[in-house]
N, C-alpha and C. Protein backbone atom coordinates (compact mmCIF):
# COMPACT_ATOMS: atom_id res chain seq x y z
N MET A 1 112.33 -43.50 -22.45
CA MET A 1 111.78 -42.90 -20.80
C MET A 1 110.82 -42.02 -20.64
N ALA A 2 109.87 -41.98 -19.46
CA ALA A 2 108.45 -41.47 -19.70
C ALA A 2 109.09 -39.88 -18.86
N ARG A 3 108.66 -38.72 -19.85
CA ARG A 3 109.12 -37.50 -18.82
C ARG A 3 108.05 -37.13 -17.43
N PRO A 4 109.38 -36.82 -16.75
CA PRO A 4 108.23 -36.10 -15.37
C PRO A 4 107.19 -35.34 -15.22
N PRO A 5 106.24 -35.47 -14.45
CA PRO A 5 105.12 -34.61 -14.94
C PRO A 5 105.87 -33.36 -14.42
N SER A 6 105.25 -32.01 -15.58
CA SER A 6 105.51 -30.90 -15.29
C SER A 6 104.57 -30.35 -14.22
N ARG A 7 105.24 -29.14 -13.46
CA ARG A 7 105.21 -28.34 -12.15
C ARG A 7 104.30 -26.98 -12.38
N LYS A 8 103.49 -26.46 -12.20
CA LYS A 8 103.22 -25.34 -11.78
C LYS A 8 104.18 -24.54 -11.38
N PRO A 9 104.72 -23.12 -11.54
CA PRO A 9 105.51 -22.66 -10.62
C PRO A 9 104.59 -21.66 -9.23
N PRO A 10 105.28 -21.87 -8.41
CA PRO A 10 104.36 -20.83 -7.21
C PRO A 10 103.56 -19.84 -7.28
N GLY A 11 102.48 -19.49 -7.16
CA GLY A 11 102.08 -18.21 -7.06
C GLY A 11 101.02 -18.52 -8.75
N LEU A 12 101.20 -19.52 -9.62
CA LEU A 12 100.68 -19.23 -10.54
C LEU A 12 99.26 -20.11 -10.82
N THR A 13 98.25 -19.75 -10.85
CA THR A 13 96.77 -20.36 -10.64
C THR A 13 96.11 -20.98 -11.87
N GLN A 14 96.39 -20.02 -12.74
CA GLN A 14 95.28 -20.44 -13.64
C GLN A 14 95.71 -21.58 -14.92
N ASP A 15 95.03 -22.37 -15.41
CA ASP A 15 95.12 -23.42 -15.65
C ASP A 15 94.96 -23.03 -17.70
N PRO A 16 95.76 -22.76 -18.25
CA PRO A 16 95.06 -22.25 -19.48
C PRO A 16 94.46 -23.51 -20.16
N HIS A 17 94.39 -24.65 -20.09
CA HIS A 17 94.05 -25.77 -21.01
C HIS A 17 92.66 -26.22 -20.30
N ALA A 18 92.26 -25.50 -19.11
CA ALA A 18 90.84 -26.09 -18.20
C ALA A 18 90.20 -25.70 -19.45
N PRO A 19 89.21 -26.98 -19.38
CA PRO A 19 87.65 -26.38 -20.40
C PRO A 19 87.24 -25.57 -19.53
N ARG A 20 86.53 -24.10 -20.81
CA ARG A 20 85.98 -23.35 -20.10
C ARG A 20 84.19 -23.35 -20.55
N GLU A 21 83.75 -22.86 -19.96
CA GLU A 21 82.20 -22.83 -19.74
C GLU A 21 81.86 -22.45 -21.17
N PRO A 22 80.96 -22.82 -22.00
CA PRO A 22 80.74 -22.57 -23.48
C PRO A 22 79.87 -20.88 -23.39
N ARG A 23 80.30 -20.27 -24.40
CA ARG A 23 79.62 -18.74 -24.39
C ARG A 23 78.52 -18.77 -25.72
N GLU A 24 77.62 -17.66 -25.29
CA GLU A 24 76.59 -17.44 -26.45
C GLU A 24 77.23 -15.78 -26.39
N ASN A 25 76.43 -15.45 -28.54
CA ASN A 25 77.20 -14.49 -29.19
C ASN A 25 75.89 -14.04 -28.88
N ARG A 26 74.77 -14.31 -28.82
CA ARG A 26 73.56 -13.14 -28.51
C ARG A 26 73.02 -13.48 -26.92
N LEU A 27 72.64 -12.07 -26.68
CA LEU A 27 72.68 -11.43 -25.14
C LEU A 27 71.36 -12.42 -24.37
N GLU A 28 70.33 -12.35 -25.50
CA GLU A 28 68.99 -13.00 -25.15
C GLU A 28 69.14 -14.36 -24.87
N THR A 29 69.82 -15.04 -25.14
CA THR A 29 69.93 -16.61 -25.05
C THR A 29 70.97 -16.70 -23.93
N ALA A 30 72.33 -15.95 -23.68
CA ALA A 30 73.29 -16.17 -22.63
C ALA A 30 72.57 -15.42 -21.33
N ILE A 31 71.34 -14.75 -21.34
CA ILE A 31 70.68 -14.18 -20.27
C ILE A 31 70.03 -15.32 -19.82
N GLY A 32 68.96 -15.87 -20.90
CA GLY A 32 67.96 -17.34 -20.84
C GLY A 32 68.59 -18.21 -19.89
N HIS A 33 69.90 -18.41 -20.61
CA HIS A 33 70.46 -19.74 -20.29
C HIS A 33 70.78 -19.60 -18.69
N GLU A 34 71.42 -18.49 -18.12
CA GLU A 34 72.02 -18.17 -16.91
C GLU A 34 71.13 -18.06 -15.89
N VAL A 35 69.85 -17.51 -16.39
CA VAL A 35 68.69 -18.14 -15.20
C VAL A 35 68.02 -18.82 -14.94
N ARG A 36 68.21 -19.84 -16.10
CA ARG A 36 67.87 -21.12 -16.25
C ARG A 36 68.82 -22.11 -14.99
N THR A 37 69.84 -21.98 -15.57
CA THR A 37 70.87 -22.59 -14.77
C THR A 37 70.67 -21.91 -13.50
N LEU A 38 70.78 -20.75 -13.04
CA LEU A 38 70.40 -20.52 -11.53
C LEU A 38 69.39 -21.09 -10.68
N ARG A 39 68.40 -20.95 -11.15
CA ARG A 39 67.00 -21.25 -10.83
C ARG A 39 67.30 -22.64 -10.23
N LYS A 40 67.49 -23.46 -11.44
CA LYS A 40 67.53 -25.16 -10.90
C LYS A 40 68.79 -25.44 -10.13
N LYS A 41 69.59 -24.82 -10.11
CA LYS A 41 70.74 -24.87 -9.26
C LYS A 41 69.93 -24.47 -7.74
N LEU A 42 69.34 -23.67 -7.74
CA LEU A 42 68.55 -23.57 -6.42
C LEU A 42 67.37 -24.45 -5.94
N GLY A 43 67.19 -25.02 -7.16
CA GLY A 43 65.52 -26.12 -6.87
C GLY A 43 65.10 -25.54 -6.77
N VAL A 44 64.45 -24.04 -7.25
CA VAL A 44 63.15 -23.15 -7.39
C VAL A 44 62.12 -23.92 -8.75
N ALA A 45 61.44 -23.86 -8.33
CA ALA A 45 60.13 -24.07 -9.48
C ALA A 45 60.03 -22.96 -10.29
N MET A 46 59.68 -22.55 -11.98
CA MET A 46 59.41 -21.50 -12.55
C MET A 46 58.53 -20.97 -11.68
N SER A 47 56.96 -21.61 -11.35
CA SER A 47 56.11 -20.60 -10.69
C SER A 47 56.79 -19.78 -9.48
N ASP A 48 57.24 -20.49 -9.13
CA ASP A 48 58.11 -20.30 -7.59
C ASP A 48 58.55 -18.92 -7.51
N LEU A 49 59.36 -18.83 -8.82
CA LEU A 49 60.60 -17.43 -9.40
C LEU A 49 60.01 -16.84 -9.95
N ALA A 50 58.26 -16.90 -10.83
CA ALA A 50 57.69 -16.05 -10.77
C ALA A 50 56.86 -15.25 -9.94
N ALA A 51 56.69 -15.84 -8.89
CA ALA A 51 55.85 -15.36 -7.75
C ALA A 51 56.33 -14.78 -7.09
N ALA A 52 57.68 -14.87 -7.16
CA ALA A 52 58.89 -14.09 -5.95
C ALA A 52 59.28 -12.96 -6.93
N THR A 53 59.46 -13.07 -8.11
CA THR A 53 59.79 -11.54 -8.92
C THR A 53 58.77 -10.75 -9.19
N GLY A 54 57.15 -11.56 -9.33
CA GLY A 54 55.98 -10.64 -10.08
C GLY A 54 56.34 -10.68 -11.36
N ILE A 55 57.12 -11.44 -12.07
CA ILE A 55 57.00 -12.02 -13.56
C ILE A 55 56.19 -12.94 -13.83
N SER A 56 55.39 -12.88 -14.91
CA SER A 56 54.22 -13.70 -14.78
C SER A 56 55.03 -15.08 -15.43
N PRO A 57 54.78 -16.22 -15.33
CA PRO A 57 55.75 -17.58 -15.56
C PRO A 57 55.42 -17.91 -17.44
N GLY A 58 54.62 -17.10 -17.82
CA GLY A 58 54.94 -17.06 -19.36
C GLY A 58 55.75 -15.80 -19.89
N MET A 59 56.08 -14.91 -19.55
CA MET A 59 57.06 -14.14 -19.45
C MET A 59 58.83 -14.54 -19.00
N LEU A 60 58.82 -15.21 -17.83
CA LEU A 60 59.89 -15.86 -17.37
C LEU A 60 60.07 -17.29 -18.22
N SER A 61 59.43 -17.37 -18.78
CA SER A 61 59.38 -18.57 -19.97
C SER A 61 60.48 -18.06 -20.94
N LYS A 62 59.36 -17.04 -21.86
CA LYS A 62 59.97 -16.44 -22.94
C LYS A 62 61.46 -15.71 -22.49
N ILE A 63 61.99 -15.28 -21.43
CA ILE A 63 63.40 -15.54 -20.88
C ILE A 63 64.55 -16.35 -20.87
N GLU A 64 63.89 -17.58 -20.34
CA GLU A 64 64.65 -18.00 -20.27
C GLU A 64 64.99 -19.25 -21.79
N ASN A 65 64.18 -18.89 -22.36
CA ASN A 65 64.45 -19.77 -23.76
C ASN A 65 64.98 -18.79 -24.50
N GLY A 66 65.42 -17.65 -24.85
CA GLY A 66 66.10 -16.56 -24.92
C GLY A 66 64.95 -15.84 -25.75
N ASN A 67 64.00 -15.59 -25.91
CA ASN A 67 63.08 -15.37 -26.94
C ASN A 67 62.41 -14.19 -26.50
N ILE A 68 63.09 -13.57 -25.77
CA ILE A 68 62.60 -12.04 -25.43
C ILE A 68 64.03 -11.08 -24.76
N SER A 69 63.90 -9.52 -25.17
CA SER A 69 64.91 -9.27 -24.31
C SER A 69 64.41 -8.52 -22.93
N PRO A 70 64.92 -8.74 -21.64
CA PRO A 70 63.99 -8.32 -20.81
C PRO A 70 64.84 -7.02 -20.21
N SER A 71 63.87 -6.09 -19.56
CA SER A 71 64.33 -4.50 -19.50
C SER A 71 64.88 -4.96 -18.28
N LEU A 72 65.75 -3.82 -17.67
CA LEU A 72 66.89 -3.78 -16.60
C LEU A 72 65.86 -3.73 -15.39
N SER A 73 65.28 -3.46 -15.57
CA SER A 73 63.81 -3.83 -14.04
C SER A 73 63.20 -5.09 -13.96
N THR A 74 63.27 -5.51 -15.03
CA THR A 74 63.03 -7.47 -14.89
C THR A 74 64.44 -8.30 -14.82
N LEU A 75 65.54 -7.75 -15.02
CA LEU A 75 66.71 -8.10 -14.78
C LEU A 75 67.02 -8.30 -13.22
N GLN A 76 66.88 -6.83 -13.00
CA GLN A 76 67.18 -6.78 -11.40
C GLN A 76 66.12 -7.59 -10.85
N ALA A 77 65.06 -7.51 -11.10
CA ALA A 77 63.91 -8.45 -9.87
C ALA A 77 64.14 -9.70 -10.66
N LEU A 78 65.01 -10.35 -11.50
CA LEU A 78 65.40 -11.91 -11.58
C LEU A 78 66.85 -12.25 -10.66
N ALA A 79 67.45 -11.02 -10.37
CA ALA A 79 68.88 -10.88 -9.55
C ALA A 79 68.58 -11.03 -8.27
N ARG A 80 67.37 -10.72 -7.58
CA ARG A 80 67.06 -10.31 -6.57
C ARG A 80 66.26 -12.01 -6.31
N GLY A 81 65.79 -12.47 -6.97
CA GLY A 81 64.79 -13.23 -6.37
C GLY A 81 65.64 -14.70 -6.77
N LEU A 82 67.21 -14.85 -7.46
CA LEU A 82 67.69 -16.12 -7.44
C LEU A 82 69.20 -15.39 -6.51
N GLY A 83 69.40 -13.95 -5.76
CA GLY A 83 69.99 -14.36 -4.73
C GLY A 83 71.53 -13.88 -5.40
N ALA A 84 71.55 -13.37 -6.64
CA ALA A 84 72.12 -13.61 -7.63
C ALA A 84 73.43 -11.77 -7.97
N PRO A 85 74.54 -11.49 -8.16
CA PRO A 85 74.38 -10.23 -8.39
C PRO A 85 73.55 -9.83 -10.13
N LEU A 86 73.56 -8.83 -10.21
CA LEU A 86 73.09 -8.32 -11.75
C LEU A 86 74.03 -9.33 -12.85
N THR A 87 75.44 -8.70 -12.31
CA THR A 87 76.49 -9.13 -13.68
C THR A 87 76.35 -10.38 -13.80
N ALA A 88 75.69 -11.15 -12.93
CA ALA A 88 75.85 -13.01 -12.85
C ALA A 88 75.42 -13.34 -14.10
N LEU A 89 73.88 -12.66 -14.53
CA LEU A 89 73.36 -12.73 -15.37
C LEU A 89 73.57 -12.77 -16.97
N PHE A 90 75.10 -12.08 -16.96
CA PHE A 90 75.35 -12.03 -18.78
C PHE A 90 76.78 -12.68 -18.33
N ARG A 91 77.17 -13.60 -17.78
CA ARG A 91 78.38 -14.40 -17.41
C ARG A 91 78.74 -15.19 -18.63
N ARG A 92 77.34 -15.74 -19.21
CA ARG A 92 77.62 -16.63 -20.85
C ARG A 92 77.68 -15.76 -21.67
N TYR A 93 77.50 -14.85 -21.53
CA TYR A 93 77.92 -13.54 -23.24
C TYR A 93 78.72 -13.66 -23.12
N ASP A 94 79.18 -14.13 -25.18
CA ASP A 94 80.65 -13.62 -24.88
C ASP A 94 80.93 -12.74 -25.97
N GLU A 95 81.29 -11.32 -25.70
CA GLU A 95 81.29 -10.28 -26.45
C GLU A 95 82.70 -10.28 -27.33
N PRO A 96 82.64 -9.78 -28.61
CA PRO A 96 83.84 -9.80 -29.57
C PRO A 96 85.00 -9.53 -28.73
N ARG A 97 86.44 -10.27 -28.89
CA ARG A 97 87.60 -9.92 -28.49
C ARG A 97 88.68 -9.17 -29.42
N GLY A 98 89.19 -8.20 -29.14
CA GLY A 98 90.09 -7.72 -30.20
C GLY A 98 91.27 -7.86 -29.89
N ALA A 99 92.00 -7.99 -31.34
CA ALA A 99 93.50 -8.64 -31.19
C ALA A 99 94.14 -7.45 -32.83
N MET A 100 95.30 -7.35 -32.28
CA MET A 100 96.21 -6.66 -33.08
C MET A 100 97.12 -7.48 -33.71
N HIS A 101 97.26 -7.22 -35.30
CA HIS A 101 98.52 -8.06 -35.70
C HIS A 101 99.33 -7.48 -36.43
N VAL A 102 100.69 -6.83 -36.26
CA VAL A 102 101.74 -5.90 -36.25
C VAL A 102 102.39 -6.42 -37.25
N LYS A 103 102.81 -6.30 -38.51
CA LYS A 103 103.73 -7.20 -39.28
C LYS A 103 105.14 -6.33 -38.92
N ALA A 104 106.24 -7.17 -39.28
CA ALA A 104 107.66 -6.91 -39.08
C ALA A 104 107.90 -5.62 -39.69
N GLY A 105 108.15 -5.14 -38.77
CA GLY A 105 108.89 -3.31 -40.01
C GLY A 105 107.56 -2.02 -39.58
N GLU A 106 106.64 -2.43 -39.00
CA GLU A 106 105.00 -1.99 -38.82
C GLU A 106 104.41 -1.44 -37.50
N GLY A 107 105.93 -1.42 -36.67
CA GLY A 107 105.67 -1.01 -35.21
C GLY A 107 105.36 0.34 -35.58
N VAL A 108 104.69 1.34 -34.29
CA VAL A 108 104.87 2.49 -34.64
C VAL A 108 106.13 3.05 -33.58
N ASP A 109 107.04 4.19 -34.10
CA ASP A 109 108.08 4.44 -32.93
C ASP A 109 107.38 5.77 -32.66
N VAL A 110 107.69 5.59 -30.82
CA VAL A 110 106.46 6.39 -30.05
C VAL A 110 107.75 6.92 -29.17
N GLU A 111 107.50 8.30 -28.44
CA GLU A 111 108.10 8.80 -27.20
C GLU A 111 107.47 8.44 -26.10
N ARG A 112 108.01 7.81 -25.20
CA ARG A 112 106.93 7.40 -23.87
C ARG A 112 107.71 8.88 -22.71
N ARG A 113 106.87 8.98 -22.04
CA ARG A 113 107.40 10.15 -21.08
C ARG A 113 108.44 9.53 -20.31
N GLY A 114 109.42 10.16 -20.20
CA GLY A 114 110.89 10.08 -19.28
C GLY A 114 111.53 9.13 -20.39
N THR A 115 111.37 9.14 -22.02
CA THR A 115 112.47 8.51 -23.03
C THR A 115 113.92 9.18 -22.83
N ARG A 116 114.68 8.64 -22.95
CA ARG A 116 116.18 9.84 -22.97
C ARG A 116 116.75 9.45 -24.96
N ALA A 117 117.34 10.44 -24.90
CA ALA A 117 117.94 10.11 -25.95
C ALA A 117 118.37 8.94 -26.65
N GLY A 118 118.52 8.65 -28.14
CA GLY A 118 118.87 7.63 -28.05
C GLY A 118 118.29 6.32 -28.08
N HIS A 119 117.18 6.55 -27.89
CA HIS A 119 116.15 4.98 -26.91
C HIS A 119 115.24 5.01 -27.80
N GLN A 120 115.04 3.91 -28.67
CA GLN A 120 114.52 4.09 -30.00
C GLN A 120 113.26 3.02 -29.26
N TYR A 121 112.10 3.34 -28.91
CA TYR A 121 110.62 2.76 -28.49
C TYR A 121 109.81 2.30 -29.82
N THR A 122 109.98 1.11 -30.24
CA THR A 122 108.91 0.91 -30.93
C THR A 122 107.57 0.04 -30.45
N LEU A 123 106.15 0.72 -30.30
CA LEU A 123 105.20 0.21 -30.08
C LEU A 123 104.40 -0.51 -31.18
N LEU A 124 104.66 -2.39 -30.48
CA LEU A 124 104.30 -3.64 -31.40
C LEU A 124 102.92 -3.42 -31.58
N GLY A 125 101.92 -3.35 -30.27
CA GLY A 125 100.77 -3.53 -30.63
C GLY A 125 100.31 -2.32 -29.58
N HIS A 126 98.84 -2.63 -29.60
CA HIS A 126 97.82 -2.39 -28.53
C HIS A 126 96.51 -2.40 -28.48
N ALA A 127 95.75 -3.09 -27.32
CA ALA A 127 94.31 -3.41 -27.03
C ALA A 127 93.96 -2.80 -26.38
N ASP A 128 92.47 -2.80 -26.09
CA ASP A 128 91.98 -1.98 -25.39
C ASP A 128 91.79 -3.29 -23.87
N GLY A 129 92.31 -2.94 -22.84
CA GLY A 129 92.57 -4.01 -21.76
C GLY A 129 91.27 -3.43 -20.69
N ALA A 130 89.90 -2.80 -21.02
CA ALA A 130 89.01 -2.41 -20.00
C ALA A 130 88.46 -4.00 -19.33
N ALA A 131 88.30 -5.11 -20.44
CA ALA A 131 87.13 -6.00 -19.66
C ALA A 131 88.51 -7.08 -18.50
N ALA A 132 89.91 -6.92 -19.38
CA ALA A 132 90.60 -7.74 -17.97
C ALA A 132 91.33 -6.44 -16.89
N GLY A 133 90.55 -5.51 -16.99
CA GLY A 133 91.46 -4.24 -15.81
C GLY A 133 92.79 -4.21 -16.61
N VAL A 134 93.15 -4.28 -17.02
CA VAL A 134 94.79 -4.02 -17.53
C VAL A 134 94.92 -3.15 -18.54
N VAL A 135 96.11 -2.60 -18.84
CA VAL A 135 96.74 -2.04 -19.96
C VAL A 135 98.35 -2.97 -20.18
N VAL A 136 98.39 -3.43 -21.34
CA VAL A 136 99.73 -3.90 -21.10
C VAL A 136 100.17 -3.43 -22.55
N GLU A 137 101.33 -2.94 -22.76
CA GLU A 137 102.07 -2.21 -23.43
C GLU A 137 103.56 -2.85 -24.11
N PRO A 138 103.36 -3.32 -25.37
CA PRO A 138 104.63 -4.01 -25.33
C PRO A 138 105.53 -3.58 -26.52
N TYR A 139 106.98 -3.27 -26.14
CA TYR A 139 107.79 -2.47 -26.66
C TYR A 139 109.09 -2.92 -27.27
N LEU A 140 109.38 -2.43 -28.70
CA LEU A 140 111.37 -2.88 -28.94
C LEU A 140 111.38 -2.20 -28.75
N ILE A 141 112.60 -1.99 -28.00
CA ILE A 141 113.84 -0.98 -27.38
C ILE A 141 114.84 -1.05 -28.21
N THR A 142 115.57 -0.23 -28.86
CA THR A 142 116.68 -0.01 -29.79
C THR A 142 117.52 0.85 -28.87
N LEU A 143 118.81 0.47 -29.07
CA LEU A 143 120.06 1.17 -28.01
C LEU A 143 121.13 1.28 -28.92
N THR A 144 121.96 2.33 -29.52
CA THR A 144 122.79 2.34 -30.01
C THR A 144 123.59 3.04 -29.57
N THR A 145 125.03 3.83 -30.29
CA THR A 145 126.18 4.86 -30.16
C THR A 145 125.87 5.75 -29.86
N ASP A 146 124.30 6.07 -30.24
CA ASP A 146 124.26 7.62 -29.94
C ASP A 146 123.30 7.62 -28.47
N SER A 147 123.10 6.15 -27.86
CA SER A 147 122.17 6.29 -26.42
C SER A 147 122.67 6.27 -25.27
N ASP A 148 121.95 7.52 -24.22
CA ASP A 148 122.08 7.39 -23.54
C ASP A 148 122.26 6.61 -22.40
N VAL A 149 122.50 6.03 -21.16
CA VAL A 149 122.62 5.32 -20.16
C VAL A 149 121.62 6.08 -19.33
N PHE A 150 120.45 5.13 -18.50
CA PHE A 150 119.42 5.97 -17.94
C PHE A 150 119.30 5.15 -16.85
N PRO A 151 119.82 4.47 -15.80
CA PRO A 151 118.98 3.63 -14.73
C PRO A 151 118.36 4.06 -13.77
N ALA A 152 117.16 5.22 -13.90
CA ALA A 152 116.25 5.49 -13.18
C ALA A 152 114.81 5.66 -13.87
N PHE A 153 114.38 4.95 -14.95
CA PHE A 153 113.01 4.80 -15.24
C PHE A 153 112.20 4.68 -13.94
N GLN A 154 110.74 4.91 -13.56
CA GLN A 154 110.09 4.63 -12.59
C GLN A 154 108.50 4.90 -13.12
N HIS A 155 107.68 3.91 -12.94
CA HIS A 155 106.46 4.12 -13.30
C HIS A 155 105.59 3.17 -12.22
N GLU A 156 104.21 2.80 -12.45
CA GLU A 156 103.30 1.89 -11.81
C GLU A 156 103.86 0.46 -12.86
N GLY A 157 103.30 -0.39 -12.04
CA GLY A 157 102.87 -1.57 -12.84
C GLY A 157 104.17 -2.42 -12.67
N MET A 158 103.85 -3.53 -13.80
CA MET A 158 105.18 -4.65 -13.88
C MET A 158 105.49 -4.46 -15.28
N GLU A 159 106.74 -4.59 -15.21
CA GLU A 159 107.47 -4.88 -16.20
C GLU A 159 108.22 -5.95 -16.62
N PHE A 160 107.93 -6.42 -18.11
CA PHE A 160 109.04 -8.15 -18.52
C PHE A 160 109.93 -7.44 -19.68
N ILE A 161 111.34 -7.82 -19.63
CA ILE A 161 112.13 -7.47 -20.49
C ILE A 161 113.39 -9.10 -20.93
N HIS A 162 112.80 -9.05 -22.37
CA HIS A 162 113.58 -10.13 -22.90
C HIS A 162 114.61 -9.73 -23.68
N MET A 163 116.49 -9.77 -23.87
CA MET A 163 117.17 -9.62 -24.82
C MET A 163 117.10 -9.78 -26.19
N LEU A 164 117.08 -9.70 -27.23
CA LEU A 164 117.57 -10.29 -28.50
C LEU A 164 118.61 -9.95 -28.97
N GLU A 165 119.39 -8.72 -28.76
CA GLU A 165 120.74 -8.64 -29.29
C GLU A 165 121.42 -7.68 -28.64
N GLY A 166 122.53 -7.76 -28.72
CA GLY A 166 123.41 -6.89 -28.04
C GLY A 166 123.83 -7.84 -26.52
N GLU A 167 124.24 -6.87 -25.30
CA GLU A 167 124.56 -6.68 -24.08
C GLU A 167 124.59 -5.71 -23.18
N LEU A 168 124.36 -5.54 -22.28
CA LEU A 168 124.26 -4.35 -21.65
C LEU A 168 123.76 -4.79 -20.18
N GLY A 169 124.28 -4.03 -19.49
CA GLY A 169 123.86 -4.18 -17.75
C GLY A 169 122.31 -3.16 -17.16
N TYR A 170 121.81 -4.10 -16.77
CA TYR A 170 120.62 -3.28 -16.75
C TYR A 170 119.95 -2.95 -15.20
N ARG A 171 120.21 -2.35 -14.65
CA ARG A 171 119.83 -1.74 -13.41
C ARG A 171 118.30 -1.86 -13.00
N HIS A 172 117.82 -2.97 -11.98
CA HIS A 172 116.72 -2.59 -10.94
C HIS A 172 116.99 -2.76 -9.18
N GLY A 173 116.52 -1.25 -8.82
CA GLY A 173 116.73 -1.16 -7.79
C GLY A 173 118.19 -1.11 -7.58
N ASP A 174 118.85 -1.84 -6.50
CA ASP A 174 120.29 -2.31 -6.25
C ASP A 174 120.76 -2.88 -6.97
N THR A 175 120.45 -3.71 -7.97
CA THR A 175 121.26 -4.82 -8.41
C THR A 175 121.53 -4.25 -10.08
N LEU A 176 122.65 -4.79 -10.48
CA LEU A 176 122.68 -4.76 -11.78
C LEU A 176 123.15 -5.94 -12.33
N TYR A 177 122.14 -5.89 -13.19
CA TYR A 177 121.80 -7.74 -14.44
C TYR A 177 122.80 -7.72 -15.57
N ASP A 178 123.17 -8.68 -15.71
CA ASP A 178 124.22 -8.98 -16.79
C ASP A 178 123.00 -9.24 -17.94
N MET A 179 122.90 -8.60 -19.16
CA MET A 179 121.62 -8.94 -19.74
C MET A 179 122.66 -9.08 -21.35
N ALA A 180 122.18 -10.56 -21.81
CA ALA A 180 122.58 -11.31 -23.17
C ALA A 180 121.65 -11.55 -24.13
N PRO A 181 121.48 -12.05 -24.96
CA PRO A 181 120.51 -12.42 -26.15
C PRO A 181 119.85 -13.78 -25.32
N GLY A 182 118.36 -13.56 -24.81
CA GLY A 182 117.63 -15.00 -24.39
C GLY A 182 117.74 -14.76 -23.09
N ASP A 183 118.32 -13.78 -22.49
CA ASP A 183 118.36 -13.13 -21.07
C ASP A 183 116.53 -12.72 -20.58
N SER A 184 116.24 -12.96 -19.67
CA SER A 184 114.73 -12.07 -19.43
C SER A 184 114.65 -11.68 -17.95
N LEU A 185 114.21 -10.70 -17.63
CA LEU A 185 113.66 -9.90 -16.47
C LEU A 185 112.72 -9.60 -16.55
N TYR A 186 112.05 -9.81 -14.96
CA TYR A 186 110.50 -9.39 -14.46
C TYR A 186 110.36 -8.77 -13.11
N PHE A 187 110.15 -7.33 -13.63
CA PHE A 187 109.98 -7.03 -11.84
C PHE A 187 109.37 -5.69 -11.78
N GLU A 188 108.91 -5.04 -10.44
CA GLU A 188 108.19 -4.40 -10.28
C GLU A 188 108.32 -3.10 -10.85
N ALA A 189 107.76 -2.76 -11.69
CA ALA A 189 108.44 -0.83 -11.87
C ALA A 189 108.49 0.37 -11.26
N ASP A 190 107.91 0.45 -10.26
CA ASP A 190 108.06 1.39 -9.25
C ASP A 190 109.16 1.79 -8.72
N ALA A 191 110.28 0.78 -8.55
CA ALA A 191 111.60 1.25 -8.44
C ALA A 191 112.36 1.52 -9.69
N PRO A 192 113.57 2.33 -9.49
CA PRO A 192 114.24 2.37 -10.28
C PRO A 192 114.86 1.67 -10.93
N HIS A 193 114.69 1.82 -12.29
CA HIS A 193 115.57 0.81 -13.44
C HIS A 193 115.63 1.38 -14.88
N GLY A 194 116.71 0.37 -15.37
CA GLY A 194 117.03 1.03 -16.80
C GLY A 194 118.32 0.24 -17.22
N PRO A 195 118.50 0.32 -18.74
CA PRO A 195 120.13 0.06 -18.79
C PRO A 195 121.34 1.48 -18.22
N GLU A 196 122.05 0.25 -17.87
CA GLU A 196 123.30 1.43 -16.92
C GLU A 196 124.80 1.34 -17.61
N VAL A 197 124.89 0.58 -17.76
CA VAL A 197 126.25 -0.13 -18.60
C VAL A 197 125.57 -0.40 -20.13
N LEU A 198 126.25 -0.23 -20.80
CA LEU A 198 125.98 -0.33 -22.79
C LEU A 198 127.36 -1.36 -23.01
N VAL A 199 127.15 -2.88 -23.32
CA VAL A 199 128.04 -3.81 -23.10
C VAL A 199 128.35 -4.17 -24.50
N ARG A 200 127.54 -4.18 -25.08
CA ARG A 200 127.68 -4.70 -27.18
C ARG A 200 126.53 -3.92 -27.68
N LEU A 201 126.60 -2.96 -28.34
CA LEU A 201 125.83 -2.09 -29.16
C LEU A 201 125.89 -3.05 -31.02
N PRO A 202 124.49 -2.58 -31.46
CA PRO A 202 123.08 -2.36 -30.91
C PRO A 202 122.42 -3.20 -30.29
N ALA A 203 122.19 -2.99 -29.26
CA ALA A 203 121.49 -3.47 -28.47
C ALA A 203 119.45 -3.53 -28.67
N ARG A 204 118.83 -4.21 -28.80
CA ARG A 204 117.11 -4.58 -28.70
C ARG A 204 117.04 -5.92 -27.54
N TYR A 205 115.52 -5.33 -27.18
CA TYR A 205 115.30 -6.00 -25.99
C TYR A 205 113.77 -5.28 -26.42
N LEU A 206 113.07 -6.59 -25.78
CA LEU A 206 111.44 -6.77 -25.71
C LEU A 206 110.95 -5.49 -24.46
N SER A 207 110.37 -5.00 -23.96
CA SER A 207 109.54 -4.43 -22.58
C SER A 207 108.31 -4.61 -22.85
N ILE A 208 107.84 -5.45 -22.27
CA ILE A 208 106.40 -5.50 -21.61
C ILE A 208 105.99 -4.76 -20.67
N ILE A 209 105.05 -4.06 -20.39
CA ILE A 209 104.88 -3.12 -19.51
C ILE A 209 103.20 -3.49 -19.01
N CYS A 210 102.71 -3.74 -18.09
CA CYS A 210 101.63 -4.18 -17.38
C CYS A 210 101.33 -2.77 -16.20
N TYR A 211 100.02 -2.48 -16.61
CA TYR A 211 99.49 -2.16 -15.57
C TYR A 211 97.83 -1.82 -15.33
N PRO A 212 97.34 -1.10 -14.11
CA PRO A 212 96.12 -1.16 -13.97
C PRO A 212 95.21 -0.01 -15.09
N GLN A 213 94.24 -0.82 -15.19
CA GLN A 213 93.04 0.15 -16.32
C GLN A 213 92.67 1.60 -15.37
N PRO A 214 93.70 2.42 -15.91
CA PRO A 214 93.18 3.86 -15.42
C PRO A 214 91.63 3.96 -15.06
N THR A 215 91.20 4.33 -14.10
CA THR A 215 89.58 4.88 -13.63
C THR A 215 89.39 6.16 -14.24
N ALA A 216 88.09 6.30 -14.74
CA ALA A 216 87.87 7.42 -15.15
C ALA A 216 87.42 8.33 -13.98
N ALA A 217 87.87 9.71 -14.35
CA ALA A 217 87.52 10.55 -13.32
C ALA A 217 86.34 11.02 -13.47
N ARG A 218 85.48 11.24 -12.12
CA ARG A 218 84.61 11.12 -11.46
C ARG A 218 84.37 12.92 -11.40
């Protein structure tokens, strides 16, 4: 029997299986590729772009072939001549992406602001989210008979929790959710939330917090 086609939940627009444009790991090649692509898309001859930007045809040819590292002023002139933002010229450059592998038992126990007595937070990883504009903090939270109940955590961003062991009543706003192994809860974290009823201990759950990348103070 044929399986029905899968449906994407409302609001999800990204397709993780969609083909991506090829990336370059050499900056000069990436810039040259993008300049040539934009120029051809506009239907502009190399000589015309050279005249419009004040860059010699020979220099422009070297840039498009990735044989030279153009100065910032040259890149600005090219961006204006192509009618594109300066950042578009770096679009194909593939900077190294970071990843962190944390083996079982090697997470770091931390004390977050607002941590209550008996709430053990184990940070499972950290990566610089500057490129994506967000920070993601994955925690393994353990509650025992020594743990306080506290349904009034509040912070910016979104939070996702997934129960691994035990049972508890988890409050978000005005609603109390019965959480058992395998259950998940995803919510806006600026509403009061947290474990209010400890039903079966010990209880362990994953907590993944996502919030905007802080901007540097000016």
